[in-house]
C-alpha atoms as a PDB file:
ATOM      1  CA  UNK A   1     -44.112  14.835  16.573  1.00  0.00           C
ATOM      2  CA  UNK A   2     -41.073  12.582  16.166  1.00  0.00           C
ATOM      3  CA  UNK A   3     -37.864  12.905  18.107  1.00  0.00           C
ATOM      4  CA  UNK A   4     -35.176  14.690  16.048  1.00  0.00           C
ATOM      5  CA  UNK A   5     -31.846  13.114  15.111  1.00  0.00           C
ATOM      6  CA  UNK A   6     -29.184  14.333  17.511  1.00  0.00           C
ATOM      7  CA  UNK A   7     -26.147  12.136  16.701  1.00  0.00           C
ATOM      8  CA  UNK A   8     -24.134  11.691  13.523  1.00  0.00           C
ATOM      9  CA  UNK A   9     -21.476   9.234  12.363  1.00  0.00           C
ATOM     10  CA  UNK A  10     -19.265  10.323   9.468  1.00  0.00           C
ATOM     11  CA  UNK A  11     -17.405   7.512   7.718  1.00  0.00           C
ATOM     12  CA  UNK A  12     -15.315   6.550   4.702  1.00  0.00           C
ATOM     13  CA  UNK A  13     -13.207   3.634   3.484  1.00  0.00           C
ATOM     14  CA  UNK A  14      -9.739   3.689   5.001  1.00  0.00           C
ATOM     15  CA  UNK A  15      -8.010   3.662   1.613  1.00  0.00           C
ATOM     16  CA  UNK A  16      -6.479   6.443  -0.441  1.00  0.00           C
ATOM     17  CA  UNK A  17      -8.560   6.959  -3.575  1.00  0.00           C
ATOM     18  CA  UNK A  18     -11.105   4.486  -2.214  1.00  0.00           C
ATOM     19  CA  UNK A  19     -13.643   5.687  -4.751  1.00  0.00           C
ATOM     20  CA  UNK A  20     -16.136   6.737  -2.106  1.00  0.00           C
ATOM     21  CA  UNK A  21     -16.398  10.157  -0.531  1.00  0.00           C
ATOM     22  CA  UNK A  22     -16.993  10.622   3.164  1.00  0.00           C
ATOM     23  CA  UNK A  23     -20.615   9.911   4.079  1.00  0.00           C
ATOM     24  CA  UNK A  24     -22.705  10.770   7.133  1.00  0.00           C
ATOM     25  CA  UNK A  25     -25.676   9.111   8.812  1.00  0.00           C
ATOM     26  CA  UNK A  26     -27.753  10.631  11.590  1.00  0.00           C
ATOM     27  CA  UNK A  27     -29.381   8.924  14.558  1.00  0.00           C
ATOM     28  CA  UNK A  28     -31.945   9.646  17.240  1.00  0.00           C
ATOM     29  CA  UNK A  29     -29.891   8.072  20.034  1.00  0.00           C
ATOM     30  CA  UNK A  30     -26.272   7.652  21.062  1.00  0.00           C
ATOM     31  CA  UNK A  31     -26.775   3.875  21.303  1.00  0.00           C
ATOM     32  CA  UNK A  32     -27.851   3.667  17.648  1.00  0.00           C
ATOM     33  CA  UNK A  33     -24.878   5.808  16.600  1.00  0.00           C
ATOM     34  CA  UNK A  34     -22.486   3.570  18.544  1.00  0.00           C
ATOM     35  CA  UNK A  35     -23.910   0.391  16.998  1.00  0.00           C
ATOM     36  CA  UNK A  36     -23.508   1.840  13.508  1.00  0.00           C
ATOM     37  CA  UNK A  37     -19.967   3.031  14.290  1.00  0.00           C
ATOM     38  CA  UNK A  38     -19.029  -0.492  15.384  1.00  0.00           C
ATOM     39  CA  UNK A  39     -20.274  -1.843  12.035  1.00  0.00           C
ATOM     40  CA  UNK A  40     -18.179   0.727  10.173  1.00  0.00           C
ATOM     41  CA  UNK A  41     -15.076  -0.049  12.232  1.00  0.00           C
ATOM     42  CA  UNK A  42     -15.582  -3.793  11.618  1.00  0.00           C
ATOM     43  CA  UNK A  43     -15.231  -3.057   7.880  1.00  0.00           C
ATOM     44  CA  UNK A  44     -11.853  -1.451   8.555  1.00  0.00           C
ATOM     45  CA  UNK A  45     -13.159   2.005   7.669  1.00  0.00           C
ATOM     46  CA  UNK A  46     -12.538   5.259   9.505  1.00  0.00           C
ATOM     47  CA  UNK A  47     -15.262   7.127  11.357  1.00  0.00           C
ATOM     48  CA  UNK A  48     -15.916  10.057  13.624  1.00  0.00           C
ATOM     49  CA  UNK A  49     -19.074  11.035  15.470  1.00  0.00           C
ATOM     50  CA  UNK A  50     -20.769  13.725  17.478  1.00  0.00           C
ATOM     51  CA  UNK A  51     -23.931  15.584  18.275  1.00  0.00           C
ATOM     52  CA  UNK A  52     -25.771  17.763  15.803  1.00  0.00           C
ATOM     53  CA  UNK A  53     -26.418  21.456  16.435  1.00  0.00           C
ATOM     54  CA  UNK A  54     -28.222  22.769  18.432  1.00  0.00           C
ATOM     55  CA  UNK A  55     -28.059  19.744  20.780  1.00  0.00           C
ATOM     56  CA  UNK A  56     -26.286  20.507  24.051  1.00  0.00           C
ATOM     57  CA  UNK A  57     -23.895  19.551  25.447  1.00  0.00           C
ATOM     58  CA  UNK A  58     -21.939  19.407  22.189  1.00  0.00           C
ATOM     59  CA  UNK A  59     -19.915  16.217  21.828  1.00  0.00           C
ATOM     60  CA  UNK A  60     -17.311  15.421  19.200  1.00  0.00           C
ATOM     61  CA  UNK A  61     -15.681  12.011  18.954  1.00  0.00           C
ATOM     62  CA  UNK A  62     -12.531  12.033  16.830  1.00  0.00           C
ATOM     63  CA  UNK A  63     -11.560   9.047  14.712  1.00  0.00           C
ATOM     64  CA  UNK A  64      -8.735   8.323  17.168  1.00  0.00           C
ATOM     65  CA  UNK A  65     -11.295   7.979  19.999  1.00  0.00           C
ATOM     66  CA  UNK A  66     -14.255   6.368  18.261  1.00  0.00           C
ATOM     67  CA  UNK A  67     -13.366   2.751  18.966  1.00  0.00           C
ATOM     68  CA  UNK A  68     -13.214   3.405  22.712  1.00  0.00           C
ATOM     69  CA  UNK A  69     -16.464   5.452  22.571  1.00  0.00           C
ATOM     70  CA  UNK A  70     -18.408   2.849  20.587  1.00  0.00           C
ATOM     71  CA  UNK A  71     -17.173  -0.318  22.320  1.00  0.00           C
ATOM     72  CA  UNK A  72     -19.241  -1.153  25.416  1.00  0.00           C
ATOM     73  CA  UNK A  73     -16.317  -3.104  26.888  1.00  0.00           C
ATOM     74  CA  UNK A  74     -16.554  -6.126  29.180  1.00  0.00           C
ATOM     75  CA  UNK A  75     -18.845  -4.339  31.651  1.00  0.00           C
ATOM     76  CA  UNK A  76     -21.384  -3.395  28.964  1.00  0.00           C
END
């Protein structure tokens, strides 16, 4: 049996009427979700993230916090 996806990253272009609706990708690990979020942020898009139900503890990362969450910083 495979490990279920427990993280999501929701994203969209950071433009009004950008022509693309908000999309979501799911991931099996927080590390994979963070790497994808960094790619989205590098494009100048907005993103948010969190854990999928019923995973506990529930985590929600708002778009205002996602850069700090995803960036490993100088200490890795």
